[in-house]
C-alpha cells in the first residue's frame, strides 16, 4: 500500500499556462528556462507570475493563464 505523502505546495498555488501562439516560447523562470511549445500546456506554481516575461506574454495574448482545478 502506498503512503500518502503530504503536499510540498498547495494546489491552490498552481496555475495552468497554455501557449496559444503558433511559436515555441522559452519562459525564463527563477528555476531556469522552460521551453513551452506551441499549443502545449504546463502547470507551474503561481510564483511564475512574478516573472515579468510571463506576464508580458499573457498581456499580448501569447499565453493563457488559468487557475489549476484539481480533480
PDB file of N, CA and C in Angstrom:
ATOM      1  N   UNK A   1       0.841  -1.174   0.000  1.00  0.00           N
ATOM      2  CA  UNK A   1       0.000   0.000   0.000  1.00  0.00           C
ATOM      3  C   UNK A   1       0.893   1.246   0.000  1.00  0.00           C
ATOM      4  N   UNK A   2       0.597   2.191  -0.870  1.00  0.00           N
ATOM      5  CA  UNK A   2       1.407   3.412  -0.982  1.00  0.00           C
ATOM      6  C   UNK A   2       1.116   4.376   0.161  1.00  0.00           C
ATOM      7  N   UNK A   3       2.187   5.050   0.634  1.00  0.00           N
ATOM      8  CA  UNK A   3       1.959   6.058   1.687  1.00  0.00           C
ATOM      9  C   UNK A   3       1.322   7.285   1.068  1.00  0.00           C
ATOM     10  N   UNK A   4       0.611   7.983   1.912  1.00  0.00           N
ATOM     11  CA  UNK A   4       0.089   9.285   1.496  1.00  0.00           C
ATOM     12  C   UNK A   4       1.128  10.307   1.879  1.00  0.00           C
ATOM     13  N   UNK A   5       1.723  10.916   0.907  1.00  0.00           N
ATOM     14  CA  UNK A   5       2.736  11.923   1.183  1.00  0.00           C
ATOM     15  C   UNK A   5       2.077  13.292   1.253  1.00  0.00           C
ATOM     16  N   UNK A   6       2.560  14.141   2.122  1.00  0.00           N
ATOM     17  CA  UNK A   6       1.972  15.485   2.213  1.00  0.00           C
ATOM     18  C   UNK A   6       2.358  16.317   0.993  1.00  0.00           C
ATOM     19  N   UNK A   7       1.524  17.285   0.662  1.00  0.00           N
ATOM     20  CA  UNK A   7       1.848  18.203  -0.424  1.00  0.00           C
ATOM     21  C   UNK A   7       3.038  19.053  -0.013  1.00  0.00           C
ATOM     22  N   UNK A   8       3.925  19.315  -0.948  1.00  0.00           N
ATOM     23  CA  UNK A   8       5.011  20.254  -0.685  1.00  0.00           C
ATOM     24  C   UNK A   8       4.614  21.641  -1.166  1.00  0.00           C
ATOM     25  N   UNK A   9       3.470  21.738  -1.812  1.00  0.00           N
ATOM     26  CA  UNK A   9       2.889  23.014  -2.247  1.00  0.00           C
ATOM     27  C   UNK A   9       1.386  22.851  -2.186  1.00  0.00           C
ATOM     28  N   UNK A  10       0.687  23.955  -2.103  1.00  0.00           N
ATOM     29  CA  UNK A  10      -0.775  23.905  -2.057  1.00  0.00           C
ATOM     30  C   UNK A  10      -1.326  23.901  -3.485  1.00  0.00           C
ATOM     31  N   UNK A  11      -2.272  23.034  -3.773  1.00  0.00           N
ATOM     32  CA  UNK A  11      -2.841  23.001  -5.124  1.00  0.00           C
ATOM     33  C   UNK A  11      -3.429  24.349  -5.547  1.00  0.00           C
ATOM     34  N   UNK A  12      -3.840  25.170  -4.604  1.00  0.00           N
ATOM     35  CA  UNK A  12      -4.379  26.489  -4.945  1.00  0.00           C
ATOM     36  C   UNK A  12      -3.278  27.439  -5.406  1.00  0.00           C
ATOM     37  N   UNK A  13      -2.016  27.085  -5.186  1.00  0.00           N
ATOM     38  CA  UNK A  13      -0.887  27.909  -5.600  1.00  0.00           C
ATOM     39  C   UNK A  13      -0.353  27.503  -6.974  1.00  0.00           C
ATOM     40  N   UNK A  14      -1.141  26.762  -7.737  1.00  0.00           N
ATOM     41  CA  UNK A  14      -0.702  26.268  -9.040  1.00  0.00           C
ATOM     42  C   UNK A  14      -1.552  26.910 -10.130  1.00  0.00           C
ATOM     43  N   UNK A  15      -0.896  27.277 -11.235  1.00  0.00           N
ATOM     44  CA  UNK A  15      -1.595  27.825 -12.397  1.00  0.00           C
ATOM     45  C   UNK A  15      -1.289  26.959 -13.613  1.00  0.00           C
ATOM     46  N   UNK A  16      -2.187  27.003 -14.571  1.00  0.00           N
ATOM     47  CA  UNK A  16      -2.016  26.290 -15.827  1.00  0.00           C
ATOM     48  C   UNK A  16      -1.677  27.334 -16.885  1.00  0.00           C
ATOM     49  N   UNK A  17      -0.551  27.150 -17.550  1.00  0.00           N
ATOM     50  CA  UNK A  17      -0.103  28.089 -18.582  1.00  0.00           C
ATOM     51  C   UNK A  17      -0.136  27.364 -19.922  1.00  0.00           C
ATOM     52  N   UNK A  18      -0.875  27.938 -20.878  1.00  0.00           N
ATOM     53  CA  UNK A  18      -1.008  27.346 -22.204  1.00  0.00           C
ATOM     54  C   UNK A  18      -0.446  28.308 -23.242  1.00  0.00           C
ATOM     55  N   UNK A  19       0.376  27.784 -24.115  1.00  0.00           N
ATOM     56  CA  UNK A  19       0.917  28.569 -25.221  1.00  0.00           C
ATOM     57  C   UNK A  19      -0.130  28.558 -26.331  1.00  0.00           C
ATOM     58  N   UNK A  20      -0.824  29.680 -26.519  1.00  0.00           N
ATOM     59  CA  UNK A  20      -1.863  29.762 -27.540  1.00  0.00           C
ATOM     60  C   UNK A  20      -1.342  30.377 -28.838  1.00  0.00           C
ATOM     61  N   UNK A  21      -0.056  30.685 -28.891  1.00  0.00           N
ATOM     62  CA  UNK A  21       0.536  31.228 -30.115  1.00  0.00           C
ATOM     63  C   UNK A  21       0.968  30.081 -31.031  1.00  0.00           C
ATOM     64  N   UNK A  22       1.447  30.439 -32.205  1.00  0.00           N
ATOM     65  CA  UNK A  22       1.921  29.429 -33.152  1.00  0.00           C
ATOM     66  C   UNK A  22       3.435  29.303 -33.124  1.00  0.00           C
ATOM     67  N   UNK A  23       4.062  29.861 -32.097  1.00  0.00           N
ATOM     68  CA  UNK A  23       5.517  29.791 -31.994  1.00  0.00           C
ATOM     69  C   UNK A  23       5.918  29.127 -30.683  1.00  0.00           C
ATOM     70  N   UNK A  24       7.080  28.517 -30.670  1.00  0.00           N
ATOM     71  CA  UNK A  24       7.618  27.929 -29.450  1.00  0.00           C
ATOM     72  C   UNK A  24       8.208  29.047 -28.604  1.00  0.00           C
ATOM     73  N   UNK A  25       8.002  28.974 -27.304  1.00  0.00           N
ATOM     74  CA  UNK A  25       8.456  30.027 -26.395  1.00  0.00           C
ATOM     75  C   UNK A  25       9.432  29.462 -25.378  1.00  0.00           C
ATOM     76  N   UNK A  26      10.322  30.297 -24.913  1.00  0.00           N
ATOM     77  CA  UNK A  26      11.197  29.961 -23.794  1.00  0.00           C
ATOM     78  C   UNK A  26      10.797  30.884 -22.647  1.00  0.00           C
ATOM     79  N   UNK A  27      10.337  30.306 -21.555  1.00  0.00           N
ATOM     80  CA  UNK A  27       9.990  31.082 -20.365  1.00  0.00           C
ATOM     81  C   UNK A  27      11.207  31.087 -19.446  1.00  0.00           C
ATOM     82  N   UNK A  28      11.704  32.260 -19.139  1.00  0.00           N
ATOM     83  CA  UNK A  28      12.843  32.371 -18.229  1.00  0.00           C
ATOM     84  C   UNK A  28      12.319  32.500 -16.809  1.00  0.00           C
ATOM     85  N   UNK A  29      12.233  31.369 -16.130  1.00  0.00           N
ATOM     86  CA  UNK A  29      11.706  31.314 -14.771  1.00  0.00           C
ATOM     87  C   UNK A  29      12.850  31.371 -13.770  1.00  0.00           C
ATOM     88  N   UNK A  30      12.522  31.610 -12.517  1.00  0.00           N
ATOM     89  CA  UNK A  30      13.541  31.657 -11.465  1.00  0.00           C
ATOM     90  C   UNK A  30      14.274  30.317 -11.357  1.00  0.00           C
ATOM     91  N   UNK A  31      13.584  29.231 -11.681  1.00  0.00           N
ATOM     92  CA  UNK A  31      14.194  27.902 -11.604  1.00  0.00           C
ATOM     93  C   UNK A  31      15.012  27.554 -12.842  1.00  0.00           C
ATOM     94  N   UNK A  32      14.955  28.418 -13.861  1.00  0.00           N
ATOM     95  CA  UNK A  32      15.690  28.188 -15.097  1.00  0.00           C
ATOM     96  C   UNK A  32      14.769  28.274 -16.294  1.00  0.00           C
ATOM     97  N   UNK A  33      15.322  28.188 -17.494  1.00  0.00           N
ATOM     98  CA  UNK A  33      14.498  28.307 -18.697  1.00  0.00           C
ATOM     99  C   UNK A  33      13.588  27.095 -18.883  1.00  0.00           C
ATOM    100  N   UNK A  34      12.399  27.365 -19.418  1.00  0.00           N
ATOM    101  CA  UNK A  34      11.426  26.309 -19.688  1.00  0.00           C
ATOM    102  C   UNK A  34      10.895  26.500 -21.092  1.00  0.00           C
ATOM    103  N   UNK A  35      11.035  25.485 -21.937  1.00  0.00           N
ATOM    104  CA  UNK A  35      10.510  25.555 -23.301  1.00  0.00           C
ATOM    105  C   UNK A  35       9.029  25.200 -23.264  1.00  0.00           C
ATOM    106  N   UNK A  36       8.228  26.073 -23.872  1.00  0.00           N
ATOM    107  CA  UNK A  36       6.785  25.845 -23.964  1.00  0.00           C
ATOM    108  C   UNK A  36       6.420  25.888 -25.443  1.00  0.00           C
ATOM    109  N   UNK A  37       6.265  24.708 -26.034  1.00  0.00           N
ATOM    110  CA  UNK A  37       5.986  24.601 -27.461  1.00  0.00           C
ATOM    111  C   UNK A  37       4.580  25.101 -27.786  1.00  0.00           C
ATOM    112  N   UNK A  38       4.374  25.481 -29.028  1.00  0.00           N
ATOM    113  CA  UNK A  38       3.079  25.983 -29.496  1.00  0.00           C
ATOM    114  C   UNK A  38       1.979  24.974 -29.182  1.00  0.00           C
ATOM    115  N   UNK A  39       0.908  25.455 -28.585  1.00  0.00           N
ATOM    116  CA  UNK A  39      -0.236  24.605 -28.266  1.00  0.00           C
ATOM    117  C   UNK A  39      -0.091  23.757 -27.014  1.00  0.00           C
ATOM    118  N   UNK A  40       1.037  23.796 -26.352  1.00  0.00           N
ATOM    119  CA  UNK A  40       1.270  22.968 -25.170  1.00  0.00           C
ATOM    120  C   UNK A  40       0.850  23.677 -23.887  1.00  0.00           C
ATOM    121  N   UNK A  41       0.588  22.882 -22.859  1.00  0.00           N
ATOM    122  CA  UNK A  41       0.175  23.382 -21.556  1.00  0.00           C
ATOM    123  C   UNK A  41       1.107  22.830 -20.495  1.00  0.00           C
ATOM    124  N   UNK A  42       1.386  23.640 -19.485  1.00  0.00           N
ATOM    125  CA  UNK A  42       2.230  23.220 -18.378  1.00  0.00           C
ATOM    126  C   UNK A  42       1.635  23.790 -17.088  1.00  0.00           C
ATOM    127  N   UNK A  43       1.796  23.039 -16.002  1.00  0.00           N
ATOM    128  CA  UNK A  43       1.389  23.536 -14.683  1.00  0.00           C
ATOM    129  C   UNK A  43       2.608  24.108 -13.989  1.00  0.00           C
ATOM    130  N   UNK A  44       2.443  25.294 -13.413  1.00  0.00           N
ATOM    131  CA  UNK A  44       3.527  25.969 -12.706  1.00  0.00           C
ATOM    132  C   UNK A  44       3.004  26.502 -11.382  1.00  0.00           C
ATOM    133  N   UNK A  45       3.910  26.688 -10.452  1.00  0.00           N
ATOM    134  CA  UNK A  45       3.486  27.360  -9.222  1.00  0.00           C
ATOM    135  C   UNK A  45       3.203  28.819  -9.549  1.00  0.00           C
ATOM    136  N   UNK A  46       2.329  29.426  -8.789  1.00  0.00           N
ATOM    137  CA  UNK A  46       1.908  30.801  -9.058  1.00  0.00           C
ATOM    138  C   UNK A  46       3.068  31.787  -8.990  1.00  0.00           C
ATOM    139  N   UNK A  47       4.171  31.403  -8.390  1.00  0.00           N
ATOM    140  CA  UNK A  47       5.327  32.304  -8.330  1.00  0.00           C
ATOM    141  C   UNK A  47       5.865  32.612  -9.730  1.00  0.00           C
ATOM    142  N   UNK A  48       5.516  31.798 -10.726  1.00  0.00           N
ATOM    143  CA  UNK A  48       5.928  32.076 -12.108  1.00  0.00           C
ATOM    144  C   UNK A  48       5.327  33.394 -12.591  1.00  0.00           C
ATOM    145  N   UNK A  49       4.211  33.802 -12.002  1.00  0.00           N
ATOM    146  CA  UNK A  49       3.567  35.047 -12.405  1.00  0.00           C
ATOM    147  C   UNK A  49       4.320  36.271 -11.904  1.00  0.00           C
ATOM    148  N   UNK A  50       5.345  36.053 -11.091  1.00  0.00           N
ATOM    149  CA  UNK A  50       6.196  37.146 -10.642  1.00  0.00           C
ATOM    150  C   UNK A  50       7.242  37.496 -11.703  1.00  0.00           C
ATOM    151  N   UNK A  51       7.389  36.645 -12.703  1.00  0.00           N
ATOM    152  CA  UNK A  51       8.346  36.886 -13.784  1.00  0.00           C
ATOM    153  C   UNK A  51       7.707  37.819 -14.805  1.00  0.00           C
ATOM    154  N   UNK A  52       8.324  38.958 -15.048  1.00  0.00           N
ATOM    155  CA  UNK A  52       7.761  39.961 -15.954  1.00  0.00           C
ATOM    156  C   UNK A  52       7.541  39.416 -17.360  1.00  0.00           C
ATOM    157  N   UNK A  53       8.411  38.527 -17.806  1.00  0.00           N
ATOM    158  CA  UNK A  53       8.277  37.962 -19.145  1.00  0.00           C
ATOM    159  C   UNK A  53       6.981  37.153 -19.279  1.00  0.00           C
ATOM    160  N   UNK A  54       6.653  36.377 -18.272  1.00  0.00           N
ATOM    161  CA  UNK A  54       5.434  35.561 -18.310  1.00  0.00           C
ATOM    162  C   UNK A  54       4.205  36.468 -18.353  1.00  0.00           C
ATOM    163  N   UNK A  55       4.204  37.501 -17.537  1.00  0.00           N
ATOM    164  CA  UNK A  55       3.087  38.448 -17.521  1.00  0.00           C
ATOM    165  C   UNK A  55       2.980  39.176 -18.859  1.00  0.00           C
ATOM    166  N   UNK A  56       4.119  39.570 -19.434  1.00  0.00           N
ATOM    167  CA  UNK A  56       4.116  40.258 -20.725  1.00  0.00           C
ATOM    168  C   UNK A  56       3.551  39.356 -21.823  1.00  0.00           C
ATOM    169  N   UNK A  57       3.912  38.085 -21.819  1.00  0.00           N
ATOM    170  CA  UNK A  57       3.387  37.145 -22.820  1.00  0.00           C
ATOM    171  C   UNK A  57       1.877  36.967 -22.662  1.00  0.00           C
ATOM    172  N   UNK A  58       1.404  36.962 -21.434  1.00  0.00           N
ATOM    173  CA  UNK A  58      -0.041  36.866 -21.184  1.00  0.00           C
ATOM    174  C   UNK A  58      -0.748  38.130 -21.664  1.00  0.00           C
ATOM    175  N   UNK A  59      -0.140  39.281 -21.426  1.00  0.00           N
ATOM    176  CA  UNK A  59      -0.758  40.554 -21.824  1.00  0.00           C
ATOM    177  C   UNK A  59      -0.894  40.702 -23.335  1.00  0.00           C
ATOM    178  N   UNK A  60       0.035  40.148 -24.090  1.00  0.00           N
ATOM    179  CA  UNK A  60      -0.059  40.227 -25.555  1.00  0.00           C
ATOM    180  C   UNK A  60      -0.820  39.043 -26.153  1.00  0.00           C
ATOM    181  N   UNK A  61      -1.293  38.132 -25.312  1.00  0.00           N
ATOM    182  CA  UNK A  61      -2.132  37.030 -25.775  1.00  0.00           C
ATOM    183  C   UNK A  61      -1.403  35.816 -26.291  1.00  0.00           C
ATOM    184  N   UNK A  62      -0.112  35.694 -26.019  1.00  0.00           N
ATOM    185  CA  UNK A  62       0.628  34.513 -26.484  1.00  0.00           C
ATOM    186  C   UNK A  62       0.454  33.318 -25.555  1.00  0.00           C
ATOM    187  N   UNK A  63       0.223  33.593 -24.267  1.00  0.00           N
ATOM    188  CA  UNK A  63      -0.056  32.506 -23.316  1.00  0.00           C
ATOM    189  C   UNK A  63      -1.350  32.820 -22.572  1.00  0.00           C
ATOM    190  N   UNK A  64      -2.023  31.760 -22.192  1.00  0.00           N
ATOM    191  CA  UNK A  64      -3.246  31.878 -21.409  1.00  0.00           C
ATOM    192  C   UNK A  64      -2.940  31.289 -20.037  1.00  0.00           C
ATOM    193  N   UNK A  65      -3.324  32.002 -18.980  1.00  0.00           N
ATOM    194  CA  UNK A  65      -3.060  31.564 -17.617  1.00  0.00           C
ATOM    195  C   UNK A  65      -4.385  31.364 -16.894  1.00  0.00           C
ATOM    196  N   UNK A  66      -4.553  30.179 -16.316  1.00  0.00           N
ATOM    197  CA  UNK A  66      -5.773  29.845 -15.581  1.00  0.00           C
ATOM    198  C   UNK A  66      -5.396  29.185 -14.252  1.00  0.00           C
ATOM    199  N   UNK A  67      -6.261  29.279 -13.261  1.00  0.00           N
ATOM    200  CA  UNK A  67      -6.000  28.544 -12.012  1.00  0.00           C
ATOM    201  C   UNK A  67      -6.113  27.034 -12.273  1.00  0.00           C
ATOM    202  N   UNK A  68      -5.331  26.271 -11.559  1.00  0.00           N
ATOM    203  CA  UNK A  68      -5.361  24.815 -11.686  1.00  0.00           C
ATOM    204  C   UNK A  68      -6.565  24.272 -10.920  1.00  0.00           C
ATOM    205  N   UNK A  69      -7.350  23.452 -11.590  1.00  0.00           N
ATOM    206  CA  UNK A  69      -8.511  22.836 -10.947  1.00  0.00           C
ATOM    207  C   UNK A  69      -8.202  21.374 -10.716  1.00  0.00           C
ATOM    208  N   UNK A  70      -7.911  21.042  -9.488  1.00  0.00           N
ATOM    209  CA  UNK A  70      -7.578  19.660  -9.148  1.00  0.00           C
ATOM    210  C   UNK A  70      -8.809  18.778  -9.231  1.00  0.00           C
ATOM    211  N   UNK A  71      -8.625  17.620  -9.816  1.00  0.00           N
ATOM    212  CA  UNK A  71      -9.755  16.689  -9.975  1.00  0.00           C
ATOM    213  C   UNK A  71      -9.917  15.822  -8.768  1.00  0.00           C
TER     214      UNK A  71
END
